[in-house]
Protein backbone atom coordinates (compact mmCIF):
# COMPACT_ATOMS: atom_id res chain seq x y z
CA MET A 1 -46.56 19.12 -79.17
CA ASN A 2 -46.23 15.65 -80.68
CA ASN A 3 -45.74 12.48 -78.67
CA SER A 4 -42.00 12.28 -79.33
CA GLY A 5 -41.50 15.78 -77.89
CA LEU A 6 -43.43 14.91 -74.72
CA LYS A 7 -41.42 11.75 -74.33
CA ILE A 8 -38.12 13.65 -74.59
CA GLN A 9 -39.35 16.24 -72.07
CA ARG A 10 -40.35 13.55 -69.56
CA GLN A 11 -36.99 11.79 -69.98
CA THR A 12 -35.21 15.09 -69.39
CA GLU A 13 -37.26 15.76 -66.26
CA ARG A 14 -36.57 12.26 -64.92
CA ARG A 15 -32.85 12.67 -65.62
CA ASP A 16 -32.81 16.06 -63.88
CA GLY A 17 -34.68 14.56 -60.92
CA ALA A 18 -32.22 11.69 -60.67
CA ILE A 19 -29.30 14.09 -60.78
CA LEU A 20 -30.92 16.15 -58.04
CA ILE A 21 -31.35 13.06 -55.87
CA VAL A 22 -27.72 12.08 -56.45
CA VAL A 23 -26.59 15.59 -55.56
CA LEU A 24 -28.69 15.52 -52.39
CA TRP A 25 -27.17 12.17 -51.39
CA VAL A 26 -23.68 13.47 -52.06
CA VAL A 27 -24.38 16.56 -49.95
CA LEU A 28 -25.82 14.36 -47.19
CA LEU A 29 -22.81 12.04 -47.25
CA LEU A 30 -20.40 14.97 -47.24
CA SER A 31 -22.28 16.48 -44.30
CA LEU A 32 -22.07 13.19 -42.43
CA MET A 33 -18.36 12.91 -43.20
CA VAL A 34 -17.73 16.45 -42.00
CA SER A 35 -19.80 15.85 -38.85
CA THR A 36 -18.02 12.56 -38.18
CA PHE A 37 -14.63 14.17 -38.74
CA ALA A 38 -15.52 17.07 -36.43
CA PHE A 39 -16.80 14.65 -33.76
CA THR A 40 -13.69 12.48 -34.12
CA MET A 41 -11.43 15.51 -33.79
CA HIS A 42 -13.41 16.62 -30.75
CA ILE A 43 -12.98 13.21 -29.11
CA GLU A 44 -9.28 13.07 -30.02
CA THR A 45 -8.77 16.56 -28.61
CA ARG A 46 -10.48 15.56 -25.38
CA LEU A 47 -8.49 12.33 -25.20
CA THR A 48 -5.26 14.23 -25.82
CA SER A 49 -6.20 16.72 -23.13
CA TYR A 50 -7.08 13.90 -20.72
CA HIS A 51 -3.85 12.06 -21.49
CA ASP A 52 -1.90 15.27 -20.94
CA ARG A 53 -3.58 15.83 -17.57
CA GLU A 54 -3.02 12.18 -16.68
CA LEU A 55 0.72 12.47 -17.34
CA LYS A 56 0.90 15.68 -15.32
CA ALA A 57 -1.01 14.09 -12.42
CA LYS A 58 1.34 11.11 -12.46
CA ALA A 59 4.39 13.40 -12.51
CA LEU A 60 2.98 15.36 -9.57
CA ALA A 61 2.44 12.13 -7.62
CA TRP A 62 6.09 11.22 -8.26
CA ALA A 63 7.12 14.71 -7.17
CA GLY A 64 5.23 14.22 -3.91
CA VAL A 65 7.29 11.13 -3.14
CA GLU A 66 10.53 12.99 -3.85
CA PHE A 67 9.38 15.91 -1.70
CA GLU A 68 8.70 13.54 1.19
CA LYS A 69 12.10 11.93 0.71
CA ALA A 70 13.70 15.35 1.14
CA LEU A 71 11.83 15.88 4.40
CA LEU A 72 12.78 12.45 5.71
CA ALA A 73 16.40 12.97 4.64
CA ALA A 74 16.49 16.19 6.67
CA LYS A 75 16.93 13.94 9.71
CA THR A 76 20.53 13.47 8.64
CA MET A 77 21.18 17.19 8.05
CA LYS A 78 22.04 20.09 10.30
CA ALA A 79 19.40 22.21 12.00
CA GLY A 80 17.92 24.91 9.82
CA GLN A 81 14.83 26.61 8.46
CA TYR A 82 12.62 26.26 5.41
CA ASN A 83 9.94 28.41 3.84
CA SER A 84 6.45 27.00 4.01
CA SER A 85 3.91 27.52 1.22
CA ASP A 86 1.77 29.60 3.59
CA GLY A 87 4.57 32.18 3.78
CA SER A 88 5.78 31.25 7.24
CA VAL A 89 9.31 30.22 8.11
CA ARG A 90 9.49 26.88 9.90
CA SER A 91 12.47 25.59 11.83
CA PHE A 92 13.67 22.04 12.32
CA SER A 93 16.29 20.59 14.60
CA PRO A 94 16.98 16.99 13.59
CA THR A 95 17.14 14.48 16.42
CA PRO A 96 17.80 10.74 16.33
CA ALA A 97 14.17 10.00 17.16
CA ASP A 98 11.29 9.95 14.66
CA TYR A 99 7.96 11.41 15.75
CA TYR A 100 4.77 12.92 14.35
CA SER A 101 5.47 16.61 14.97
CA GLU A 102 8.48 16.59 12.63
CA PRO A 103 8.27 18.13 9.12
CA TRP A 104 8.07 14.71 7.40
CA ARG A 105 4.63 14.23 8.94
CA ASN A 106 3.36 17.57 10.28
CA ASN A 107 3.85 19.96 7.35
CA PRO A 108 1.27 22.15 5.55
CA ASP A 109 3.30 21.78 2.33
CA LEU A 110 2.22 18.14 2.17
CA VAL A 111 -1.40 19.10 1.48
CA GLU A 112 -2.32 20.28 -2.03
CA ARG A 113 1.09 21.73 -2.82
CA ALA A 114 1.33 23.42 -6.24
CA LEU A 115 4.83 23.14 -7.69
CA THR A 116 4.28 26.10 -10.03
CA GLY A 117 2.60 28.23 -7.39
CA ASN A 118 -0.66 28.03 -9.35
CA PRO A 119 -3.07 25.32 -8.08
CA GLU A 120 -4.77 25.24 -11.50
CA ASP A 121 -1.58 23.72 -12.93
CA GLY A 122 -1.96 20.78 -10.56
CA THR A 123 -1.17 19.85 -6.97
CA PHE A 124 0.06 16.92 -4.94
CA THR A 125 -1.04 15.74 -1.51
CA VAL A 126 1.14 13.43 0.58
CA GLN A 127 0.35 11.17 3.52
CA VAL A 128 3.03 9.20 5.34
CA VAL A 129 2.76 6.07 7.45
CA ASP A 130 5.59 5.07 9.75
CA GLU A 131 5.76 1.33 9.17
CA GLN A 132 7.59 0.91 12.47
CA SER A 133 4.50 2.04 14.31
CA LYS A 134 3.28 -1.48 13.50
CA LEU A 135 4.11 -5.07 14.43
CA ASN A 136 6.21 -7.27 12.17
CA ALA A 137 3.82 -10.15 11.47
CA ASN A 138 6.72 -12.54 10.85
CA VAL A 139 8.15 -12.19 14.36
CA VAL A 140 4.97 -11.71 16.41
CA SER A 141 4.73 -14.40 19.08
CA PRO A 142 1.56 -16.47 19.66
CA GLU A 143 0.92 -14.50 22.85
CA GLN A 144 1.19 -11.20 20.97
CA TRP A 145 -1.19 -12.48 18.28
CA LYS A 146 -3.73 -13.39 20.94
CA VAL A 147 -3.54 -9.91 22.48
CA LEU A 148 -3.99 -8.21 19.10
CA LEU A 149 -6.93 -10.44 18.15
CA ARG A 150 -8.57 -9.94 21.53
CA LEU A 151 -8.24 -6.16 21.24
CA SER A 152 -9.82 -6.40 17.78
CA GLY A 153 -12.86 -8.21 19.21
CA VAL A 154 -12.11 -11.81 18.17
CA ASP A 155 -13.44 -14.52 20.49
CA THR A 156 -11.05 -16.95 22.19
CA GLU A 157 -11.95 -20.04 20.12
CA THR A 158 -11.48 -18.26 16.79
CA SER A 159 -8.32 -16.58 18.08
CA ASN A 160 -6.75 -19.93 19.04
CA MET A 161 -7.55 -21.31 15.58
CA ILE A 162 -6.05 -18.29 13.81
CA VAL A 163 -2.91 -18.17 15.97
CA ASP A 164 -2.10 -21.88 15.53
CA SER A 165 -2.89 -21.67 11.81
CA ILE A 166 -0.52 -18.71 11.40
CA GLY A 167 2.19 -20.75 13.09
CA ASP A 168 1.55 -23.67 10.73
CA TRP A 169 1.54 -21.35 7.70
CA ILE A 170 4.94 -19.88 8.58
CA ASP A 171 6.81 -22.89 10.00
CA LYS A 172 8.67 -25.23 7.66
CA ASP A 173 7.13 -28.52 8.80
CA SER A 174 3.84 -30.18 7.88
CA ALA A 175 2.76 -31.06 11.41
CA ASN A 176 -0.51 -29.54 12.57
CA LYS A 177 -0.61 -27.52 15.75
CA LEU A 178 -3.55 -28.22 18.10
CA ASN A 179 -5.94 -25.79 16.39
CA GLY A 180 -3.90 -25.18 13.25
CA ALA A 181 -3.99 -26.20 9.61
CA GLU A 182 -1.60 -27.57 7.02
CA ASP A 183 -2.03 -29.02 3.51
CA ASP A 184 -4.60 -31.55 4.70
CA TYR A 185 -6.96 -28.61 5.32
CA TYR A 186 -6.06 -26.20 2.51
CA MET A 187 -5.91 -28.83 -0.24
CA GLY A 188 -9.39 -29.94 0.78
CA LEU A 189 -10.94 -26.53 0.13
CA SER A 190 -13.31 -26.28 -2.83
CA PRO A 191 -12.99 -23.61 -5.55
CA ASP A 192 -15.98 -21.86 -3.96
CA GLN A 193 -13.89 -21.61 -0.78
CA GLY A 194 -10.91 -20.21 -2.66
CA GLY A 195 -8.99 -23.49 -2.76
CA PRO A 196 -7.31 -25.77 -3.11
CA TYR A 197 -3.82 -24.46 -2.33
CA HIS A 198 -0.77 -25.45 -0.32
CA SER A 199 0.30 -24.18 3.07
CA LYS A 200 3.16 -21.76 2.46
CA ASN A 201 5.55 -23.03 5.15
CA ALA A 202 7.54 -19.80 4.87
CA SER A 203 7.45 -16.22 6.10
CA LEU A 204 4.75 -13.82 5.00
CA ASP A 205 5.65 -11.56 2.08
CA ARG A 206 2.48 -9.45 2.37
CA ILE A 207 0.05 -9.15 5.25
CA GLU A 208 -2.79 -9.93 2.81
CA GLU A 209 -1.56 -13.55 2.90
CA LEU A 210 -3.24 -13.79 6.29
CA LEU A 211 -6.57 -13.91 4.43
CA LEU A 212 -5.54 -17.36 3.14
CA ILE A 213 -5.11 -18.72 6.65
CA ARG A 214 -7.74 -20.82 8.38
CA GLY A 215 -10.05 -18.78 10.61
CA MET A 216 -9.09 -15.39 9.18
CA THR A 217 -11.93 -13.44 7.53
CA PRO A 218 -12.07 -10.07 5.74
CA ASP A 219 -14.06 -8.69 8.69
CA ILE A 220 -11.36 -9.68 11.19
CA PHE A 221 -8.58 -8.54 8.86
CA TYR A 222 -9.95 -5.20 7.67
CA GLY A 223 -12.47 -4.45 10.42
CA HIS A 224 -16.24 -4.50 10.52
CA GLN A 225 -18.92 -2.45 12.24
CA GLY A 226 -21.51 -4.83 13.65
CA GLN A 227 -25.06 -4.08 12.53
CA SER A 228 -26.83 -6.11 15.22
CA ALA A 229 -26.30 -8.03 18.45
CA THR A 230 -25.52 -11.18 16.45
CA ASP A 231 -23.26 -9.38 13.96
CA ALA A 232 -19.78 -9.24 15.49
CA ALA A 233 -17.81 -6.00 15.28
CA TYR A 234 -14.05 -6.01 14.74
CA THR A 235 -11.46 -3.24 14.88
CA GLY A 236 -9.41 -4.91 12.15
CA ILE A 237 -5.82 -6.09 12.51
CA ALA A 238 -4.37 -5.09 9.11
CA GLN A 239 -3.72 -1.51 10.20
CA PHE A 240 -1.39 -2.72 12.96
CA LEU A 241 0.72 -5.14 10.92
CA THR A 242 3.52 -5.12 8.37
CA THR A 243 5.96 -7.68 6.95
CA LEU A 244 8.95 -5.35 6.72
CA PRO A 245 12.15 -6.68 8.34
CA PHE A 246 12.42 -4.94 11.69
CA THR A 247 11.76 -6.04 15.25
CA LYS A 248 11.43 -2.84 17.30
CA VAL A 249 8.29 -0.71 17.49
CA ASN A 250 8.70 3.08 17.56
CA VAL A 251 7.05 4.26 20.79
CA ASN A 252 6.69 7.77 19.36
CA THR A 253 4.30 6.62 16.63
CA ALA A 254 2.79 3.32 17.82
CA SER A 255 -0.89 3.01 18.69
CA SER A 256 -2.21 1.79 22.03
CA GLN A 257 -3.15 -1.55 20.44
CA VAL A 258 0.39 -2.13 19.19
CA LEU A 259 1.98 -1.10 22.48
CA GLN A 260 -0.29 -3.48 24.40
CA CYS A 261 1.07 -6.35 22.30
CA VAL A 262 4.52 -5.75 23.78
CA PRO A 263 5.09 -8.21 26.66
CA GLY A 264 4.65 -6.48 30.00
CA VAL A 265 2.80 -3.44 28.63
CA THR A 266 -0.75 -3.20 29.94
CA ALA A 267 -3.53 -1.00 28.59
CA GLN A 268 -2.89 1.43 31.44
CA LEU A 269 0.84 1.67 30.68
CA ALA A 270 0.19 2.12 26.97
CA GLU A 271 -2.28 4.96 27.54
CA GLN A 272 0.09 6.55 30.06
CA LEU A 273 2.90 6.58 27.51
CA ILE A 274 0.68 7.99 24.74
CA ARG A 275 -0.72 10.74 26.97
CA TYR A 276 2.81 11.81 27.85
CA ARG A 277 4.12 11.93 24.27
CA GLN A 278 1.04 13.84 23.01
CA GLY A 279 1.58 16.72 25.42
CA ASP A 280 -1.11 18.86 27.03
CA ASP A 281 -3.46 18.94 24.03
CA GLY A 282 -3.67 15.13 23.83
CA ILE A 283 -2.99 15.11 20.07
CA ASP A 284 -0.09 13.54 18.18
CA GLY A 285 1.77 15.76 15.74
CA THR A 286 1.42 19.16 17.43
CA ASP A 287 3.98 21.59 18.80
CA ASP A 288 3.56 20.53 22.43
CA ASP A 289 4.46 16.88 21.78
CA LYS A 290 7.04 15.29 24.07
CA PRO A 291 8.76 12.66 21.92
CA PHE A 292 11.04 10.08 23.49
CA GLN A 293 14.61 10.66 22.32
CA ASP A 294 15.90 7.32 23.60
CA THR A 295 14.47 4.22 25.24
CA GLY A 296 15.92 5.24 28.58
CA SER A 297 13.58 8.23 28.69
CA ILE A 298 10.59 5.88 28.72
CA ALA A 299 11.56 4.98 32.27
CA THR A 300 10.60 8.50 33.38
CA VAL A 301 7.00 7.76 32.42
CA TRP A 302 6.81 4.23 33.76
CA SER A 303 8.94 4.77 36.86
CA GLY A 304 7.33 3.17 39.88
CA THR A 305 5.32 0.74 37.76
CA MET A 306 8.18 -1.32 36.30
CA SER A 307 11.43 -2.58 37.72
CA ARG A 308 14.75 -1.77 36.11
CA ASN A 309 15.05 -5.34 34.84
CA GLU A 310 11.57 -5.16 33.30
CA MET A 311 12.48 -1.93 31.58
CA ARG A 312 15.68 -3.45 30.19
CA ALA A 313 13.65 -6.37 28.83
CA LEU A 314 11.55 -3.90 26.82
CA ASP A 315 14.63 -2.78 24.87
CA ARG A 316 14.13 -5.90 22.77
CA TYR A 317 10.76 -4.64 21.55
CA LEU A 318 10.76 -0.84 21.74
CA GLY A 319 12.73 1.89 19.98
CA VAL A 320 12.43 5.59 19.15
CA THR A 321 13.58 5.63 15.51
CA SER A 322 12.19 4.37 12.22
CA SER A 323 13.70 3.36 8.90
CA PHE A 324 10.67 2.17 6.92
CA PHE A 325 7.99 4.56 5.68
CA THR A 326 5.10 4.22 3.24
CA VAL A 327 4.30 7.36 1.24
CA TYR A 328 0.85 7.87 -0.31
CA SER A 329 1.23 10.67 -2.86
CA THR A 330 -1.72 11.85 -4.97
CA GLY A 331 -1.25 14.15 -7.97
CA ALA A 332 -4.28 16.08 -9.22
CA VAL A 333 -4.83 18.14 -12.39
CA GLY A 334 -8.43 19.24 -12.64
CA ASN A 335 -10.56 16.15 -12.12
CA VAL A 336 -7.77 13.73 -13.05
CA ARG A 337 -5.99 12.10 -10.09
CA ARG A 338 -3.17 9.58 -9.91
CA MET A 339 -1.58 8.03 -6.83
CA VAL A 340 1.79 6.52 -6.03
CA VAL A 341 2.17 4.25 -3.00
CA ALA A 342 5.87 3.86 -2.24
CA THR A 343 7.44 2.03 0.68
CA LEU A 344 10.90 3.41 1.38
CA PHE A 345 13.88 2.39 3.48
CA ARG A 346 15.90 5.33 4.78
CA HIS A 347 19.61 4.68 5.22
CA THR A 348 21.60 6.43 7.93
CA ASP A 349 23.22 8.74 5.35
CA GLY A 350 19.82 10.05 4.22
CA SER A 351 19.67 8.04 0.99
CA PHE A 352 16.73 5.76 0.20
CA SER A 353 16.01 2.33 -1.19
CA THR A 354 12.59 1.64 -2.68
CA VAL A 355 11.04 -1.45 -1.13
CA SER A 356 7.86 -1.30 -3.23
CA TRP A 357 6.27 1.08 -5.74
CA ASN A 358 2.67 0.98 -6.96
CA GLU A 359 0.85 3.43 -9.23
CA LEU A 360 -2.92 3.61 -8.77
CA THR A 361 -5.99 5.51 -9.88
CA PRO A 362 -7.73 6.74 -6.70
CA ARG A 363 -11.45 6.15 -6.44
């Protein structure tokens, strides 16, 4: 073969090799595109599925709030029966009083209820807090604050500072109480201390505002388990407080700490009242509870320990009904959970006004 023939053959081989390389690159790129497309579709499918479950979980959380409204509204209806999810028939006889053994609180349908009857389609779980089992932080007197702080484990010096500072925070003047604080203190706080800011000189809108007040700490507010002899332990006061506009505490749902903050109610009287309302088993929310139907019936428990005038004075602080409730409703679909925290005001006709509504992702 002459040189020109060899040259043509080599050129042909190089051209064929180049074409092969191009083809291989095209195949590789197409494979990558297909893989990327498949991966993208997989992710989009999962995201769509997650979004679908998220919407269902949110809808279930909303349904839980509506279900609880129906139970609370039953207070304004006639006596009757309802079918529980466990197959049993439960009766209710509405009374003026609100207490823990009623369906709005003690009801198996409030725990992992499946609207479709199939738990795999999603469930909701509802917890209810009677806000009138707490103290209204805007009307608590200095003496009541001191009792609550003492029961929480706060020393006298810190308690005096907090109580006077709360008074200064709420009152409309700029004069400092003996152990209190106004703008001269708060405006002097550094950014590292969370300041500077002005004293509010108005009522509390949320109990979390107490964390802005001189002397108050997260440990005192939320509670803290002491780890050593020098590490103070606190029960926490947040659980006993609200800022909702009522003045009377419901004796059927209040804790011992809250009852002891009522003027004239000692620890012994508070425990005596709670033991009576809980019945023989000593547990709130069971069938043997003995709820107080009116404030006059409290006298049967405290007879011999309080005079009639002292009992009448308690009418200013104690009641047996509630109008404000906070509902914690969690919807769950698979591993996706969404929560609604709704504070409701129940009117006497069984209708509701929403005081606050928050949608959360539970941890």
